[in-house]
Amino acid sequence: MAGTLTAADRCDRCPAAAAYRVQKDDAPLALDFCGHHFRSNAADLYAEGWTVTLGNPDVVGLPDLEGTPS
């Protein structure tokens, strides 16, 4: 799970390339999301204690991760 997201990593909600990986409380489980599904679920993920652990710089239009809630 550590490292970087690559073109082989896919969103857990659709077949699009993963743009974000989120993890909760150092649990071994992580979720990968495309930009669309991350943005549509971000508020709930942050509210439930999930944090962004990786972003894919190869995804066009990836928002700046600085300033995201932790």
C-alpha atoms as a PDB file:
ATOM      1  CA  MET A   1       0.000   0.000   0.000  1.00  0.00           C
ATOM      2  CA  ALA A   2       2.881   2.376   0.550  1.00  0.00           C
ATOM      3  CA  GLY A   3       4.591   4.041  -2.366  1.00  0.00           C
ATOM      4  CA  THR A   4       2.812   5.692  -5.247  1.00  0.00           C
ATOM      5  CA  LEU A   5      -0.336   5.242  -7.247  1.00  0.00           C
ATOM      6  CA  THR A   6       0.278   4.062 -10.801  1.00  0.00           C
ATOM      7  CA  ALA A   7      -1.771   3.634 -13.957  1.00  0.00           C
ATOM      8  CA  ALA A   8      -2.516   0.084 -12.795  1.00  0.00           C
ATOM      9  CA  ASP A   9      -4.313   1.324  -9.656  1.00  0.00           C
ATOM     10  CA  ARG A  10      -8.061   1.642 -10.147  1.00  0.00           C
ATOM     11  CA  CYS A  11     -10.857   3.389  -8.299  1.00  0.00           C
ATOM     12  CA  ASP A  12     -12.727   1.129  -5.887  1.00  0.00           C
ATOM     13  CA  ARG A  13     -16.045   2.541  -7.170  1.00  0.00           C
ATOM     14  CA  CYS A  14     -15.495   2.495 -10.967  1.00  0.00           C
ATOM     15  CA  PRO A  15     -12.888   1.411 -13.549  1.00  0.00           C
ATOM     16  CA  ALA A  16     -11.207   4.849 -13.734  1.00  0.00           C
ATOM     17  CA  ALA A  17      -7.587   5.381 -12.719  1.00  0.00           C
ATOM     18  CA  ALA A  18      -7.097   5.988  -9.011  1.00  0.00           C
ATOM     19  CA  ALA A  19      -6.197   9.570  -8.148  1.00  0.00           C
ATOM     20  CA  TYR A  20      -6.316   9.270  -4.356  1.00  0.00           C
ATOM     21  CA  ARG A  21      -5.683   6.629  -1.725  1.00  0.00           C
ATOM     22  CA  VAL A  22      -7.326   7.144   1.663  1.00  0.00           C
ATOM     23  CA  GLN A  23      -6.674   5.282   4.877  1.00  0.00           C
ATOM     24  CA  LYS A  24      -8.198   5.309   8.336  1.00  0.00           C
ATOM     25  CA  ASP A  25      -6.258   5.221  11.607  1.00  0.00           C
ATOM     26  CA  ASP A  26      -3.284   3.239  10.262  1.00  0.00           C
ATOM     27  CA  ALA A  27      -5.599   0.328   9.439  1.00  0.00           C
ATOM     28  CA  PRO A  28      -4.316  -2.123   6.841  1.00  0.00           C
ATOM     29  CA  LEU A  29      -7.318  -1.276   4.627  1.00  0.00           C
ATOM     30  CA  ALA A  30      -7.015   1.547   2.120  1.00  0.00           C
ATOM     31  CA  LEU A  31      -9.465   2.766  -0.500  1.00  0.00           C
ATOM     32  CA  ASP A  32      -8.549   4.128  -3.928  1.00  0.00           C
ATOM     33  CA  PHE A  33     -10.727   6.712  -5.632  1.00  0.00           C
ATOM     34  CA  CYS A  34     -10.789   8.485  -8.971  1.00  0.00           C
ATOM     35  CA  GLY A  35     -11.049  12.261  -8.754  1.00  0.00           C
ATOM     36  CA  HIS A  36     -14.824  12.245  -9.247  1.00  0.00           C
ATOM     37  CA  HIS A  37     -15.561   9.677  -6.547  1.00  0.00           C
ATOM     38  CA  PHE A  38     -13.074  11.243  -4.142  1.00  0.00           C
ATOM     39  CA  ARG A  39     -14.680  14.671  -4.494  1.00  0.00           C
ATOM     40  CA  SER A  40     -18.188  13.274  -4.127  1.00  0.00           C
ATOM     41  CA  ASN A  41     -17.236  11.350  -0.951  1.00  0.00           C
ATOM     42  CA  ALA A  42     -14.522  13.582   0.578  1.00  0.00           C
ATOM     43  CA  ALA A  43     -16.676  15.287   3.210  1.00  0.00           C
ATOM     44  CA  ASP A  44     -17.977  11.960   4.538  1.00  0.00           C
ATOM     45  CA  LEU A  45     -14.514  10.375   4.438  1.00  0.00           C
ATOM     46  CA  TYR A  46     -12.962  13.242   6.425  1.00  0.00           C
ATOM     47  CA  ALA A  47     -15.875  13.199   8.895  1.00  0.00           C
ATOM     48  CA  GLU A  48     -15.283   9.493   9.512  1.00  0.00           C
ATOM     49  CA  GLY A  49     -11.550   9.942  10.113  1.00  0.00           C
ATOM     50  CA  TRP A  50     -10.128   8.896   6.720  1.00  0.00           C
ATOM     51  CA  THR A  51      -7.067  10.771   5.462  1.00  0.00           C
ATOM     52  CA  VAL A  52      -5.448  11.035   2.045  1.00  0.00           C
ATOM     53  CA  THR A  53      -2.213   9.063   2.059  1.00  0.00           C
ATOM     54  CA  LEU A  54      -1.378   9.182  -1.656  1.00  0.00           C
ATOM     55  CA  GLY A  55      -2.246  11.225  -4.711  1.00  0.00           C
ATOM     56  CA  ASN A  56      -1.476  10.272  -8.309  1.00  0.00           C
ATOM     57  CA  PRO A  57       0.446  13.118  -9.991  1.00  0.00           C
ATOM     58  CA  ASP A  58      -0.161  11.543 -13.415  1.00  0.00           C
ATOM     59  CA  VAL A  59      -3.903  12.193 -13.218  1.00  0.00           C
ATOM     60  CA  VAL A  60      -4.668  15.381 -15.143  1.00  0.00           C
ATOM     61  CA  GLY A  61      -6.311  18.041 -13.037  1.00  0.00           C
ATOM     62  CA  LEU A  62      -5.383  16.525  -9.681  1.00  0.00           C
ATOM     63  CA  PRO A  63      -6.206  19.167  -7.075  1.00  0.00           C
ATOM     64  CA  ASP A  64      -3.490  20.359  -4.729  1.00  0.00           C
ATOM     65  CA  LEU A  65      -3.561  18.159  -1.634  1.00  0.00           C
ATOM     66  CA  GLU A  66      -2.114  20.845   0.629  1.00  0.00           C
ATOM     67  CA  GLY A  67      -4.647  22.191   3.038  1.00  0.00           C
ATOM     68  CA  THR A  68      -6.847  19.106   3.026  1.00  0.00           C
ATOM     69  CA  PRO A  69      -8.189  18.169   6.454  1.00  0.00           C
ATOM     70  CA  SER A  70      -6.171  15.570   8.304  1.00  0.00           C
END
